N, C-alpha and C. Protein backbone atom coordinates (compact mmCIF):
# COMPACT_ATOMS: atom_id res chain seq x y z
N MET A 1 94.76 138.33 189.74
CA MET A 1 94.45 139.72 188.98
C MET A 1 93.82 140.90 189.97
N THR A 2 94.95 141.68 190.40
CA THR A 2 94.55 142.57 192.02
C THR A 2 94.74 143.71 191.11
N ASN A 3 94.48 144.47 192.15
CA ASN A 3 94.61 146.60 191.37
C ASN A 3 95.09 147.15 193.52
N LYS A 4 96.44 146.37 192.72
CA LYS A 4 97.31 147.26 193.36
C LYS A 4 97.98 148.22 192.68
N ALA A 5 98.32 149.01 193.69
CA ALA A 5 98.72 150.54 193.22
C ALA A 5 100.71 150.46 192.64
N PRO A 6 100.86 150.65 191.61
CA PRO A 6 102.04 151.10 189.88
C PRO A 6 102.84 151.15 191.35
N THR A 7 104.37 150.66 190.62
CA THR A 7 105.81 151.23 191.10
C THR A 7 105.97 152.38 190.06
N LYS A 8 106.88 153.17 190.89
CA LYS A 8 107.33 154.55 190.22
C LYS A 8 107.57 153.91 188.90
N ALA A 9 108.15 152.95 188.61
CA ALA A 9 108.62 152.64 187.62
C ALA A 9 108.10 152.11 186.47
N GLN A 10 106.39 151.70 186.78
CA GLN A 10 105.25 151.06 186.29
C GLN A 10 104.70 152.66 185.84
N VAL A 11 104.95 153.59 186.79
CA VAL A 11 104.41 155.12 186.41
C VAL A 11 105.03 155.09 185.28
N ALA A 12 106.25 155.54 184.70
CA ALA A 12 107.56 155.91 184.91
C ALA A 12 106.89 155.58 182.91
N GLU A 13 107.07 154.28 183.16
CA GLU A 13 107.04 153.52 181.83
C GLU A 13 105.19 153.74 180.87
N PHE A 14 104.21 153.92 181.85
CA PHE A 14 102.86 154.15 181.50
C PHE A 14 103.23 155.62 181.10
N GLU A 15 103.68 156.67 181.61
CA GLU A 15 104.13 157.88 180.91
C GLU A 15 104.82 158.13 179.51
N MET A 16 105.89 156.95 179.46
CA MET A 16 105.67 157.25 178.31
C MET A 16 105.23 156.94 176.65
N LEU A 17 104.58 155.53 177.19
CA LEU A 17 104.08 154.78 176.42
C LEU A 17 102.88 154.99 176.12
N TRP A 18 102.28 155.82 177.28
CA TRP A 18 100.52 156.82 176.48
C TRP A 18 100.68 157.09 175.43
N PRO A 19 101.73 158.18 175.12
CA PRO A 19 101.69 159.49 174.53
C PRO A 19 101.97 158.12 173.12
N ILE A 20 103.11 157.59 173.40
CA ILE A 20 103.41 157.27 171.47
C ILE A 20 102.09 156.13 171.33
N LEU A 21 101.05 154.93 171.89
CA LEU A 21 99.88 154.32 172.24
C LEU A 21 99.10 155.68 170.89
N LYS A 22 98.99 156.66 171.62
CA LYS A 22 97.81 158.10 171.35
C LYS A 22 98.05 158.51 169.61
N SER A 23 99.80 158.26 169.39
CA SER A 23 99.87 158.75 167.72
C SER A 23 99.72 157.52 167.50
N LEU A 24 100.37 156.18 167.85
CA LEU A 24 99.77 154.98 166.78
C LEU A 24 98.31 155.08 166.33
N LEU A 25 97.50 155.37 167.61
CA LEU A 25 96.03 155.13 167.23
C LEU A 25 95.91 156.29 166.32
N ALA A 26 96.00 157.78 166.76
CA ALA A 26 95.42 158.66 165.60
C ALA A 26 96.50 158.90 163.93
N GLU A 27 97.23 158.10 163.79
CA GLU A 27 98.06 157.90 162.73
C GLU A 27 97.07 156.43 162.17
N THR A 28 96.44 155.26 162.46
CA THR A 28 95.90 154.21 162.60
C THR A 28 94.87 154.98 161.93
N LYS A 29 94.02 155.44 162.84
CA LYS A 29 92.72 155.75 162.86
C LYS A 29 92.62 156.42 160.97
N GLU A 30 94.26 157.52 160.49
CA GLU A 30 93.59 158.32 159.67
C GLU A 30 93.86 157.26 158.21
N LEU A 31 94.70 156.52 158.40
CA LEU A 31 94.44 155.32 157.67
C LEU A 31 93.73 154.75 156.82
N SER A 32 92.38 154.19 158.33
CA SER A 32 91.73 153.93 158.12
C SER A 32 90.32 154.66 158.12
N LYS A 33 90.22 156.45 157.82
CA LYS A 33 89.50 157.27 157.06
C LYS A 33 89.78 156.30 155.86
N LYS A 34 90.46 156.07 155.13
CA LYS A 34 91.06 156.04 153.52
C LYS A 34 90.41 154.67 153.13
N LYS A 35 90.63 153.92 153.71
CA LYS A 35 90.61 152.32 153.79
C LYS A 35 90.43 151.63 154.73
N SER A 36 89.58 151.25 155.32
CA SER A 36 89.66 150.53 156.72
C SER A 36 89.32 149.47 156.64
N ASP A 37 89.21 148.56 155.16
CA ASP A 37 89.14 147.39 155.16
C ASP A 37 90.78 146.65 154.64
N ASN A 38 91.49 147.55 154.50
CA ASN A 38 92.95 147.12 153.84
C ASN A 38 94.11 147.23 155.37
N PRO A 39 94.79 146.04 155.06
CA PRO A 39 95.49 145.27 156.07
C PRO A 39 96.82 146.23 156.35
N LEU A 40 96.60 146.20 157.49
CA LEU A 40 98.07 146.97 158.21
C LEU A 40 99.62 145.65 157.57
N ASN A 41 100.66 146.33 157.47
CA ASN A 41 101.79 145.68 157.08
C ASN A 41 102.06 144.82 158.28
N LYS A 42 103.38 144.00 158.01
CA LYS A 42 104.04 143.48 158.72
C LYS A 42 104.63 144.20 159.74
N LEU A 43 105.43 145.46 159.34
CA LEU A 43 106.43 146.51 160.13
C LEU A 43 105.41 147.03 160.70
N LYS A 44 103.84 147.72 160.92
CA LYS A 44 103.31 148.07 161.47
C LYS A 44 103.04 147.30 162.57
N VAL A 45 102.16 146.05 162.04
CA VAL A 45 102.03 145.16 163.02
C VAL A 45 102.95 145.27 163.97
N GLU A 46 104.46 144.65 163.73
CA GLU A 46 105.04 145.02 165.10
C GLU A 46 105.51 145.84 165.90
N MET A 47 105.07 147.37 164.93
CA MET A 47 105.45 148.32 166.10
C MET A 47 104.66 148.76 166.54
N ILE A 48 103.44 148.42 166.43
CA ILE A 48 102.33 148.29 167.35
C ILE A 48 102.39 147.35 168.52
N ASN A 49 102.41 146.41 167.68
CA ASN A 49 102.53 145.34 169.21
C ASN A 49 103.94 145.60 170.15
N LYS A 50 104.45 145.60 169.60
CA LYS A 50 106.12 146.36 170.45
C LYS A 50 105.52 147.02 171.99
N VAL A 51 104.69 148.32 171.31
CA VAL A 51 103.78 149.18 172.13
C VAL A 51 102.82 148.80 173.28
N LEU A 52 102.01 147.19 172.70
CA LEU A 52 100.72 146.84 173.18
C LEU A 52 101.80 145.90 174.15
N VAL A 53 102.47 144.81 174.17
CA VAL A 53 103.30 144.15 175.17
C VAL A 53 103.66 145.40 176.14
N LYS A 54 104.41 146.31 176.13
CA LYS A 54 104.75 147.00 177.16
C LYS A 54 103.85 147.30 178.26
N ILE A 55 102.40 147.85 177.40
CA ILE A 55 101.48 148.44 178.17
C ILE A 55 100.68 146.83 179.01
N LYS A 56 100.56 145.98 178.29
CA LYS A 56 99.70 144.82 178.81
C LYS A 56 101.05 144.25 180.20
N VAL A 57 102.48 144.76 180.16
CA VAL A 57 103.56 144.18 181.27
C VAL A 57 102.43 145.39 182.74
N ILE A 58 102.35 146.24 181.84
CA ILE A 58 102.06 148.27 183.00
C ILE A 58 100.48 147.27 183.50
N LEU A 59 99.90 146.89 182.91
CA LEU A 59 98.40 146.30 183.38
C LEU A 59 98.46 145.52 183.86
N SER A 60 99.36 144.05 183.93
CA SER A 60 99.15 142.81 183.76
C SER A 60 98.25 142.62 185.73
N ASP A 61 97.82 143.36 186.88
CA ASP A 61 98.38 143.53 187.74
C ASP A 61 96.52 144.08 187.61
N ASP A 62 95.48 144.44 186.78
CA ASP A 62 94.90 145.99 186.82
C ASP A 62 93.33 143.85 185.64
N PRO A 63 92.46 144.79 186.18
CA PRO A 63 91.20 143.42 185.67
C PRO A 63 91.06 143.98 183.75
N SER A 64 90.85 145.04 183.73
CA SER A 64 91.42 145.21 181.85
C SER A 64 91.85 143.76 181.30
N VAL A 65 92.86 143.67 182.16
CA VAL A 65 94.13 142.96 180.65
C VAL A 65 93.93 141.93 180.18
N GLN A 66 92.94 141.69 181.16
CA GLN A 66 92.31 140.33 180.21
C GLN A 66 91.27 140.29 178.91
N PHE A 67 90.92 141.70 179.09
CA PHE A 67 90.13 142.09 177.17
C PHE A 67 91.25 142.88 176.43
N LEU A 68 92.68 142.98 176.43
CA LEU A 68 93.51 143.29 176.05
C LEU A 68 94.27 142.07 174.68
N GLU A 69 94.25 142.48 173.54
CA GLU A 69 94.86 141.29 172.55
C GLU A 69 95.78 142.01 172.06
N LEU A 70 96.90 141.44 171.19
CA LEU A 70 97.81 142.18 170.22
C LEU A 70 97.32 142.06 169.57
N LEU A 71 97.55 142.05 167.83
CA LEU A 71 97.01 142.05 167.07
C LEU A 71 98.32 140.75 165.87
N ASP A 72 97.43 140.49 165.65
CA ASP A 72 98.23 139.02 164.87
C ASP A 72 99.07 139.29 163.17
N ASN A 73 99.94 138.81 163.89
CA ASN A 73 101.78 139.63 163.18
C ASN A 73 100.93 138.55 162.31
N GLU A 74 100.03 137.59 161.63
CA GLU A 74 100.22 136.90 160.90
C GLU A 74 98.96 136.58 159.75
N THR A 75 98.39 136.98 160.62
CA THR A 75 96.44 137.39 159.94
C THR A 75 96.62 138.58 158.89
N LEU A 76 97.96 139.65 159.92
CA LEU A 76 97.36 140.92 159.22
C LEU A 76 95.89 142.12 159.38
N PRO A 77 95.75 142.63 160.50
CA PRO A 77 94.59 142.95 160.71
C PRO A 77 94.25 144.29 159.31
N SER A 78 93.33 144.14 159.83
CA SER A 78 92.49 145.63 158.89
C SER A 78 93.04 146.65 160.20
N THR A 79 93.06 147.95 159.18
CA THR A 79 93.56 149.07 160.11
C THR A 79 91.83 149.59 160.74
N SER A 80 91.06 148.75 160.39
CA SER A 80 89.62 149.21 161.14
C SER A 80 90.23 148.16 162.24
N ASP A 81 90.26 147.13 162.44
CA ASP A 81 90.83 145.84 163.44
C ASP A 81 91.40 146.77 163.86
N ALA A 82 92.63 147.22 164.00
CA ALA A 82 93.62 147.36 164.25
C ALA A 82 93.18 148.68 165.80
N VAL A 83 92.27 149.79 165.27
CA VAL A 83 91.91 150.83 165.55
C VAL A 83 91.23 150.11 166.95
N PHE A 84 90.22 149.54 166.59
CA PHE A 84 89.28 148.85 167.48
C PHE A 84 90.16 148.54 168.32
N VAL A 85 91.35 147.03 168.40
CA VAL A 85 92.21 147.24 169.21
C VAL A 85 92.87 147.75 169.88
N MET A 86 93.35 149.05 169.29
CA MET A 86 94.03 150.27 170.85
C MET A 86 93.53 151.10 170.93
N SER A 87 92.08 150.63 170.06
CA SER A 87 91.57 151.86 171.67
C SER A 87 91.10 151.01 172.98
N GLN A 88 90.52 149.50 172.52
CA GLN A 88 90.87 149.07 174.05
C GLN A 88 91.75 149.08 174.92
N TYR A 89 92.76 149.36 174.69
CA TYR A 89 94.32 150.15 175.15
C TYR A 89 94.26 151.68 175.74
N ASP A 90 93.63 152.32 175.19
CA ASP A 90 93.97 153.43 175.44
C ASP A 90 92.32 153.26 176.35
N ALA A 91 91.48 152.91 176.66
CA ALA A 91 90.20 152.79 177.26
C ALA A 91 90.81 152.29 178.60
N ALA A 92 91.89 151.20 178.51
CA ALA A 92 92.14 150.38 179.85
C ALA A 92 93.15 151.53 180.84
N MET A 93 93.77 151.99 179.52
CA MET A 93 95.32 153.63 180.13
C MET A 93 94.25 154.23 181.10
N ARG A 94 93.41 154.19 180.06
CA ARG A 94 93.14 156.12 181.66
C ARG A 94 91.92 155.19 182.37
N GLN A 95 91.56 153.83 182.51
CA GLN A 95 91.16 153.47 183.69
C GLN A 95 92.36 153.63 184.36
N PHE A 96 93.12 153.14 183.90
CA PHE A 96 94.72 152.83 185.29
C PHE A 96 95.06 153.76 185.60
N GLU A 97 95.02 155.16 185.00
CA GLU A 97 95.40 156.19 185.51
C GLU A 97 93.81 156.94 186.44
N GLY A 98 92.72 156.87 186.27
CA GLY A 98 91.88 156.83 187.08
C GLY A 98 91.99 156.57 188.41
N LYS A 99 92.33 155.01 188.25
CA LYS A 99 92.14 154.53 190.35
C LYS A 99 93.75 154.96 190.85
N HIS A 100 94.94 155.43 190.26
CA HIS A 100 95.56 155.71 190.44
C HIS A 100 96.32 156.87 189.84
N HIS A 101 95.83 158.02 190.21
CA HIS A 101 95.93 159.54 189.54
C HIS A 101 95.20 160.66 190.56
N ARG A 102 96.03 160.58 191.61
CA ARG A 102 94.90 161.68 192.39
C ARG A 102 95.53 162.91 192.15
N TYR A 103 94.00 164.02 193.04
CA TYR A 103 94.57 165.41 192.63
C TYR A 103 95.26 165.60 194.56
N ASP A 104 96.48 166.20 194.92
CA ASP A 104 96.40 166.65 195.99
C ASP A 104 95.98 167.74 196.52
N ASP A 105 95.82 168.35 197.12
CA ASP A 105 94.88 168.99 197.57
C ASP A 105 96.23 170.68 197.92
N ASP A 106 96.31 169.79 198.83
CA ASP A 106 98.07 170.32 199.45
C ASP A 106 99.25 170.98 198.73
N GLU A 107 99.29 170.15 197.57
CA GLU A 107 100.32 170.87 196.58
C GLU A 107 99.74 171.07 195.24
N GLU A 108 98.22 170.83 195.17
CA GLU A 108 97.75 171.58 194.43
C GLU A 108 98.00 171.04 192.85
N VAL A 109 98.19 170.03 192.38
CA VAL A 109 98.76 169.01 191.44
C VAL A 109 98.37 167.19 191.50
N TYR A 110 98.33 166.85 190.11
CA TYR A 110 97.93 165.26 190.33
C TYR A 110 98.88 164.71 190.78
N VAL A 111 98.71 163.81 191.11
CA VAL A 111 100.25 162.90 191.71
C VAL A 111 100.01 161.29 191.46
N TRP A 112 100.46 160.81 191.93
CA TRP A 112 100.67 159.07 191.30
C TRP A 112 100.15 158.66 192.73
N VAL A 113 99.46 157.46 193.25
CA VAL A 113 99.49 156.57 194.40
C VAL A 113 100.41 155.46 193.66
N THR A 114 101.64 155.39 194.49
CA THR A 114 102.48 154.39 193.78
C THR A 114 102.38 153.30 195.58
N SER A 115 103.03 152.24 194.97
CA SER A 115 103.31 151.30 196.45
C SER A 115 105.15 151.04 196.27
N LYS A 116 105.22 151.11 197.57
CA LYS A 116 106.63 151.97 198.35
C LYS A 116 107.52 150.92 197.50
């Protein structure tokens, strides 16, 4: 695992997926407030994992990826467990952005530092 700069395609995918993850996380947190030990249904787990798999690909060269797990669609995690897992992805994405997103003083905007 290295910490190389992402490609423009990875950045585009990142920018598409992070708001989706945040939305899924917010919805799951709401479910967790009501009944934190209730399991998610299979559809929800599959939908969440679809996003998490793509995020893991983007973060595949980042050291944080070794701590990211998918939700188990056989045992169906509780809503609180799902929140815990998705929060790790959210933190990893924040770290990734922090490493590869810089302020350009000349342009006065934030820009991604990407590989050629």
